[in-house]
Amino acid sequence: MGKKLDLLPGTLDVLILKTLSRNRAMHGYGIAESLAEATEGVFDVDEGSLYPALQRLLLDGYVEAEWGRSENNRRARYYKLTADGRRHLHREQAQFHRLMEAMLRVLRPA
């Protein structure tokens, strides 16, 4: 679709939570793949950004994790959205939509 773009601060956390809200549990690589696919490669999240974000979300209580086996029988940590994470996602989505609407009002052609 074009060149990759940098994410706005805090956006990755919301994208991870939204991805997990659509699935039961996912490992980090699966989350990164899902984000790249959903954004047609515009947001290609690297491990250096993804795993610290997952750790933050885990510490904040927005996701929970447990060890399991991946599709190719490798040990992987699977992340799942918590009830607090779902509430946080809804608040963040509402704020994001408000921000985008304000930006679009400014950017709209005169």
N, C-alpha and C. Protein backbone atom coordinates (compact mmCIF):
# COMPACT_ATOMS: atom_id res chain seq x y z
N MET A 1 0.82 -1.19 0.00
CA MET A 1 0.00 0.00 0.00
C MET A 1 0.86 1.25 0.00
N GLY A 2 2.08 1.15 0.38
CA GLY A 2 2.95 2.32 0.40
C GLY A 2 4.00 2.16 1.46
N LYS A 3 4.63 3.28 1.79
CA LYS A 3 5.71 3.23 2.76
C LYS A 3 5.17 3.02 4.17
N LYS A 4 6.00 2.43 5.00
CA LYS A 4 5.63 2.19 6.39
C LYS A 4 5.62 3.51 7.14
N LEU A 5 4.70 3.61 8.09
CA LEU A 5 4.56 4.83 8.87
C LEU A 5 4.88 4.56 10.33
N ASP A 6 5.35 5.60 11.02
CA ASP A 6 5.58 5.48 12.45
C ASP A 6 4.24 5.59 13.17
N LEU A 7 4.11 4.84 14.25
CA LEU A 7 2.90 4.91 15.05
C LEU A 7 2.96 6.09 16.00
N LEU A 8 1.81 6.69 16.26
CA LEU A 8 1.73 7.73 17.27
C LEU A 8 1.94 7.10 18.64
N PRO A 9 2.49 7.83 19.60
CA PRO A 9 2.70 7.27 20.94
C PRO A 9 1.40 6.70 21.52
N GLY A 10 1.46 5.51 22.08
CA GLY A 10 0.30 4.87 22.67
C GLY A 10 -0.55 4.09 21.70
N THR A 11 -0.33 4.28 20.41
CA THR A 11 -1.17 3.63 19.41
C THR A 11 -0.94 2.12 19.38
N LEU A 12 0.30 1.68 19.54
CA LEU A 12 0.59 0.25 19.47
C LEU A 12 -0.18 -0.51 20.53
N ASP A 13 -0.26 0.04 21.74
CA ASP A 13 -0.99 -0.64 22.80
C ASP A 13 -2.45 -0.86 22.41
N VAL A 14 -3.07 0.17 21.85
CA VAL A 14 -4.47 0.07 21.44
C VAL A 14 -4.63 -0.94 20.30
N LEU A 15 -3.70 -0.94 19.36
CA LEU A 15 -3.78 -1.90 18.25
C LEU A 15 -3.62 -3.33 18.74
N ILE A 16 -2.75 -3.55 19.71
CA ILE A 16 -2.59 -4.88 20.29
C ILE A 16 -3.87 -5.31 20.99
N LEU A 17 -4.42 -4.42 21.82
CA LEU A 17 -5.65 -4.75 22.53
C LEU A 17 -6.80 -5.05 21.57
N LYS A 18 -6.90 -4.26 20.50
CA LYS A 18 -7.97 -4.50 19.52
C LYS A 18 -7.77 -5.84 18.82
N THR A 19 -6.52 -6.16 18.48
CA THR A 19 -6.22 -7.44 17.85
C THR A 19 -6.61 -8.59 18.77
N LEU A 20 -6.27 -8.47 20.04
CA LEU A 20 -6.61 -9.52 21.00
C LEU A 20 -8.10 -9.60 21.25
N SER A 21 -8.82 -8.49 21.09
CA SER A 21 -10.27 -8.51 21.31
C SER A 21 -10.99 -9.33 20.24
N ARG A 22 -10.34 -9.53 19.11
CA ARG A 22 -10.94 -10.28 18.00
C ARG A 22 -10.57 -11.76 18.03
N ASN A 23 -9.69 -12.14 18.94
CA ASN A 23 -9.18 -13.51 19.00
C ASN A 23 -9.22 -14.01 20.43
N ARG A 24 -9.09 -15.31 20.58
CA ARG A 24 -9.10 -15.88 21.93
C ARG A 24 -7.78 -15.62 22.62
N ALA A 25 -6.70 -16.09 22.08
CA ALA A 25 -5.36 -15.87 22.63
C ALA A 25 -4.38 -15.95 21.47
N MET A 26 -3.35 -15.14 21.54
CA MET A 26 -2.37 -15.08 20.45
C MET A 26 -0.98 -14.95 21.02
N HIS A 27 0.00 -15.50 20.31
CA HIS A 27 1.40 -15.26 20.67
C HIS A 27 1.87 -14.01 19.96
N GLY A 28 3.01 -13.47 20.41
CA GLY A 28 3.52 -12.21 19.89
C GLY A 28 3.67 -12.19 18.38
N TYR A 29 4.25 -13.24 17.82
CA TYR A 29 4.44 -13.28 16.37
C TYR A 29 3.10 -13.22 15.64
N GLY A 30 2.10 -13.90 16.18
CA GLY A 30 0.77 -13.88 15.57
C GLY A 30 0.15 -12.50 15.62
N ILE A 31 0.37 -11.78 16.73
CA ILE A 31 -0.14 -10.42 16.85
C ILE A 31 0.52 -9.52 15.80
N ALA A 32 1.84 -9.62 15.69
CA ALA A 32 2.57 -8.81 14.70
C ALA A 32 2.10 -9.11 13.28
N GLU A 33 1.91 -10.39 12.98
CA GLU A 33 1.42 -10.78 11.64
C GLU A 33 0.03 -10.22 11.38
N SER A 34 -0.83 -10.31 12.37
CA SER A 34 -2.19 -9.83 12.22
C SER A 34 -2.22 -8.32 11.97
N LEU A 35 -1.39 -7.57 12.70
CA LEU A 35 -1.33 -6.12 12.51
C LEU A 35 -0.79 -5.76 11.13
N ALA A 36 0.24 -6.46 10.68
CA ALA A 36 0.80 -6.19 9.36
C ALA A 36 -0.23 -6.49 8.27
N GLU A 37 -0.95 -7.59 8.43
CA GLU A 37 -1.96 -7.97 7.44
C GLU A 37 -3.12 -6.98 7.43
N ALA A 38 -3.61 -6.60 8.62
CA ALA A 38 -4.76 -5.70 8.72
C ALA A 38 -4.44 -4.32 8.16
N THR A 39 -3.19 -3.90 8.26
CA THR A 39 -2.80 -2.57 7.79
C THR A 39 -2.10 -2.62 6.43
N GLU A 40 -2.16 -3.78 5.78
CA GLU A 40 -1.52 -3.99 4.49
C GLU A 40 -0.05 -3.58 4.52
N GLY A 41 0.60 -3.92 5.63
CA GLY A 41 2.04 -3.71 5.76
C GLY A 41 2.46 -2.32 6.19
N VAL A 42 1.51 -1.42 6.39
CA VAL A 42 1.87 -0.06 6.80
C VAL A 42 2.45 -0.07 8.21
N PHE A 43 1.85 -0.86 9.11
CA PHE A 43 2.38 -1.02 10.46
C PHE A 43 3.03 -2.38 10.57
N ASP A 44 4.31 -2.42 10.32
CA ASP A 44 5.09 -3.65 10.44
C ASP A 44 5.84 -3.56 11.77
N VAL A 45 5.25 -4.13 12.81
CA VAL A 45 5.76 -3.97 14.17
C VAL A 45 6.92 -4.93 14.40
N ASP A 46 8.05 -4.38 14.84
CA ASP A 46 9.20 -5.24 15.12
C ASP A 46 9.18 -5.71 16.57
N GLU A 47 9.96 -6.74 16.85
CA GLU A 47 10.00 -7.33 18.19
C GLU A 47 10.43 -6.32 19.25
N GLY A 48 11.30 -5.40 18.88
CA GLY A 48 11.80 -4.41 19.82
C GLY A 48 10.73 -3.44 20.30
N SER A 49 9.63 -3.35 19.59
CA SER A 49 8.50 -2.52 20.00
C SER A 49 7.37 -3.38 20.57
N LEU A 50 7.14 -4.53 19.95
CA LEU A 50 6.01 -5.37 20.32
C LEU A 50 6.13 -5.93 21.73
N TYR A 51 7.25 -6.56 22.04
CA TYR A 51 7.35 -7.25 23.33
C TYR A 51 7.39 -6.30 24.52
N PRO A 52 8.03 -5.14 24.44
CA PRO A 52 7.91 -4.19 25.55
C PRO A 52 6.45 -3.70 25.73
N ALA A 53 5.73 -3.52 24.62
CA ALA A 53 4.33 -3.10 24.72
C ALA A 53 3.50 -4.20 25.38
N LEU A 54 3.73 -5.46 25.00
CA LEU A 54 3.01 -6.57 25.63
C LEU A 54 3.33 -6.65 27.12
N GLN A 55 4.57 -6.42 27.48
CA GLN A 55 4.96 -6.46 28.89
C GLN A 55 4.27 -5.33 29.66
N ARG A 56 4.20 -4.13 29.08
CA ARG A 56 3.48 -3.01 29.71
C ARG A 56 2.02 -3.36 29.94
N LEU A 57 1.39 -3.92 28.90
CA LEU A 57 -0.02 -4.28 29.00
C LEU A 57 -0.24 -5.37 30.06
N LEU A 58 0.70 -6.27 30.16
CA LEU A 58 0.65 -7.33 31.16
C LEU A 58 0.75 -6.74 32.57
N LEU A 59 1.71 -5.85 32.77
CA LEU A 59 1.91 -5.22 34.08
C LEU A 59 0.72 -4.34 34.47
N ASP A 60 0.09 -3.72 33.48
CA ASP A 60 -1.08 -2.87 33.73
C ASP A 60 -2.35 -3.68 33.97
N GLY A 61 -2.29 -4.99 33.73
CA GLY A 61 -3.45 -5.85 33.94
C GLY A 61 -4.42 -5.87 32.78
N TYR A 62 -4.01 -5.35 31.62
CA TYR A 62 -4.89 -5.31 30.46
C TYR A 62 -4.84 -6.60 29.64
N VAL A 63 -3.78 -7.36 29.79
CA VAL A 63 -3.68 -8.69 29.17
C VAL A 63 -3.17 -9.66 30.23
N GLU A 64 -3.42 -10.93 29.98
CA GLU A 64 -2.82 -11.98 30.79
C GLU A 64 -2.11 -12.92 29.83
N ALA A 65 -1.16 -13.67 30.35
CA ALA A 65 -0.36 -14.52 29.47
C ALA A 65 -0.13 -15.87 30.10
N GLU A 66 0.01 -16.86 29.25
CA GLU A 66 0.40 -18.19 29.70
C GLU A 66 1.22 -18.86 28.61
N TRP A 67 2.08 -19.73 29.02
CA TRP A 67 2.94 -20.43 28.08
C TRP A 67 2.19 -21.59 27.45
N GLY A 68 2.47 -21.81 26.18
CA GLY A 68 1.86 -22.90 25.43
C GLY A 68 2.74 -23.29 24.27
N ARG A 69 2.18 -24.05 23.36
CA ARG A 69 2.89 -24.50 22.16
C ARG A 69 2.28 -23.86 20.93
N SER A 70 3.16 -23.36 20.06
CA SER A 70 2.69 -22.74 18.81
C SER A 70 2.31 -23.81 17.81
N GLU A 71 1.85 -23.36 16.65
CA GLU A 71 1.43 -24.27 15.58
C GLU A 71 2.57 -25.19 15.14
N ASN A 72 3.81 -24.70 15.24
CA ASN A 72 4.96 -25.53 14.84
C ASN A 72 5.65 -26.14 16.06
N ASN A 73 4.90 -26.31 17.15
CA ASN A 73 5.32 -27.00 18.36
C ASN A 73 6.48 -26.30 19.10
N ARG A 74 6.57 -25.00 18.95
CA ARG A 74 7.56 -24.22 19.70
C ARG A 74 6.89 -23.64 20.94
N ARG A 75 7.68 -23.47 21.98
CA ARG A 75 7.18 -22.85 23.20
C ARG A 75 6.91 -21.36 22.90
N ALA A 76 5.72 -20.90 23.27
CA ALA A 76 5.33 -19.51 22.99
C ALA A 76 4.45 -18.99 24.12
N ARG A 77 4.54 -17.71 24.35
CA ARG A 77 3.69 -17.07 25.35
C ARG A 77 2.44 -16.55 24.65
N TYR A 78 1.29 -16.97 25.13
CA TYR A 78 0.01 -16.57 24.55
C TYR A 78 -0.64 -15.51 25.41
N TYR A 79 -1.09 -14.45 24.75
CA TYR A 79 -1.68 -13.30 25.43
C TYR A 79 -3.18 -13.27 25.18
N LYS A 80 -3.90 -12.85 26.21
CA LYS A 80 -5.36 -12.79 26.14
C LYS A 80 -5.82 -11.50 26.82
N LEU A 81 -6.82 -10.87 26.26
CA LEU A 81 -7.38 -9.64 26.79
C LEU A 81 -8.12 -9.92 28.10
N THR A 82 -7.94 -9.05 29.11
CA THR A 82 -8.68 -9.16 30.36
C THR A 82 -9.90 -8.25 30.31
N ALA A 83 -10.76 -8.36 31.30
CA ALA A 83 -11.93 -7.48 31.39
C ALA A 83 -11.47 -6.02 31.52
N ASP A 84 -10.44 -5.77 32.33
CA ASP A 84 -9.89 -4.41 32.44
C ASP A 84 -9.33 -3.94 31.10
N GLY A 85 -8.71 -4.84 30.37
CA GLY A 85 -8.18 -4.51 29.05
C GLY A 85 -9.26 -4.13 28.07
N ARG A 86 -10.37 -4.84 28.14
CA ARG A 86 -11.51 -4.53 27.26
C ARG A 86 -12.08 -3.15 27.58
N ARG A 87 -12.21 -2.83 28.88
CA ARG A 87 -12.70 -1.50 29.27
C ARG A 87 -11.72 -0.41 28.83
N HIS A 88 -10.43 -0.67 29.03
CA HIS A 88 -9.41 0.29 28.63
C HIS A 88 -9.44 0.51 27.11
N LEU A 89 -9.60 -0.56 26.37
CA LEU A 89 -9.69 -0.46 24.90
C LEU A 89 -10.86 0.44 24.49
N HIS A 90 -12.01 0.25 25.10
CA HIS A 90 -13.18 1.07 24.73
C HIS A 90 -12.93 2.54 25.03
N ARG A 91 -12.30 2.85 26.18
CA ARG A 91 -11.98 4.24 26.50
C ARG A 91 -11.00 4.82 25.50
N GLU A 92 -9.95 4.06 25.18
CA GLU A 92 -8.92 4.54 24.25
C GLU A 92 -9.48 4.72 22.84
N GLN A 93 -10.35 3.81 22.41
CA GLN A 93 -10.97 3.95 21.09
C GLN A 93 -11.82 5.21 21.03
N ALA A 94 -12.57 5.50 22.08
CA ALA A 94 -13.41 6.70 22.09
C ALA A 94 -12.53 7.95 22.01
N GLN A 95 -11.43 7.98 22.76
CA GLN A 95 -10.53 9.12 22.71
C GLN A 95 -9.88 9.26 21.33
N PHE A 96 -9.51 8.13 20.74
CA PHE A 96 -8.88 8.16 19.42
C PHE A 96 -9.86 8.71 18.37
N HIS A 97 -11.10 8.26 18.42
CA HIS A 97 -12.09 8.75 17.46
C HIS A 97 -12.32 10.26 17.63
N ARG A 98 -12.33 10.71 18.86
CA ARG A 98 -12.49 12.14 19.12
C ARG A 98 -11.32 12.93 18.55
N LEU A 99 -10.11 12.41 18.76
CA LEU A 99 -8.91 13.05 18.23
C LEU A 99 -8.94 13.10 16.70
N MET A 100 -9.29 11.98 16.08
CA MET A 100 -9.33 11.92 14.61
C MET A 100 -10.37 12.87 14.05
N GLU A 101 -11.53 12.95 14.67
CA GLU A 101 -12.57 13.87 14.20
C GLU A 101 -12.07 15.31 14.26
N ALA A 102 -11.38 15.67 15.35
CA ALA A 102 -10.84 17.03 15.47
C ALA A 102 -9.79 17.29 14.40
N MET A 103 -8.92 16.34 14.15
CA MET A 103 -7.89 16.50 13.13
C MET A 103 -8.52 16.65 11.75
N LEU A 104 -9.53 15.85 11.46
CA LEU A 104 -10.19 15.92 10.16
C LEU A 104 -10.89 17.26 9.95
N ARG A 105 -11.42 17.85 11.03
CA ARG A 105 -12.04 19.17 10.90
C ARG A 105 -11.00 20.20 10.47
N VAL A 106 -9.79 20.09 10.99
CA VAL A 106 -8.72 21.02 10.62
C VAL A 106 -8.20 20.74 9.22
N LEU A 107 -8.08 19.49 8.86
CA LEU A 107 -7.50 19.10 7.58
C LEU A 107 -8.48 19.18 6.41
N ARG A 108 -9.76 19.29 6.70
CA ARG A 108 -10.79 19.34 5.65
C ARG A 108 -10.53 20.53 4.72
N PRO A 109 -10.68 20.31 3.42
CA PRO A 109 -10.45 21.42 2.47
C PRO A 109 -11.42 22.57 2.75
N ALA A 110 -10.92 23.78 2.58
CA ALA A 110 -11.74 24.99 2.84
C ALA A 110 -12.77 25.20 1.75
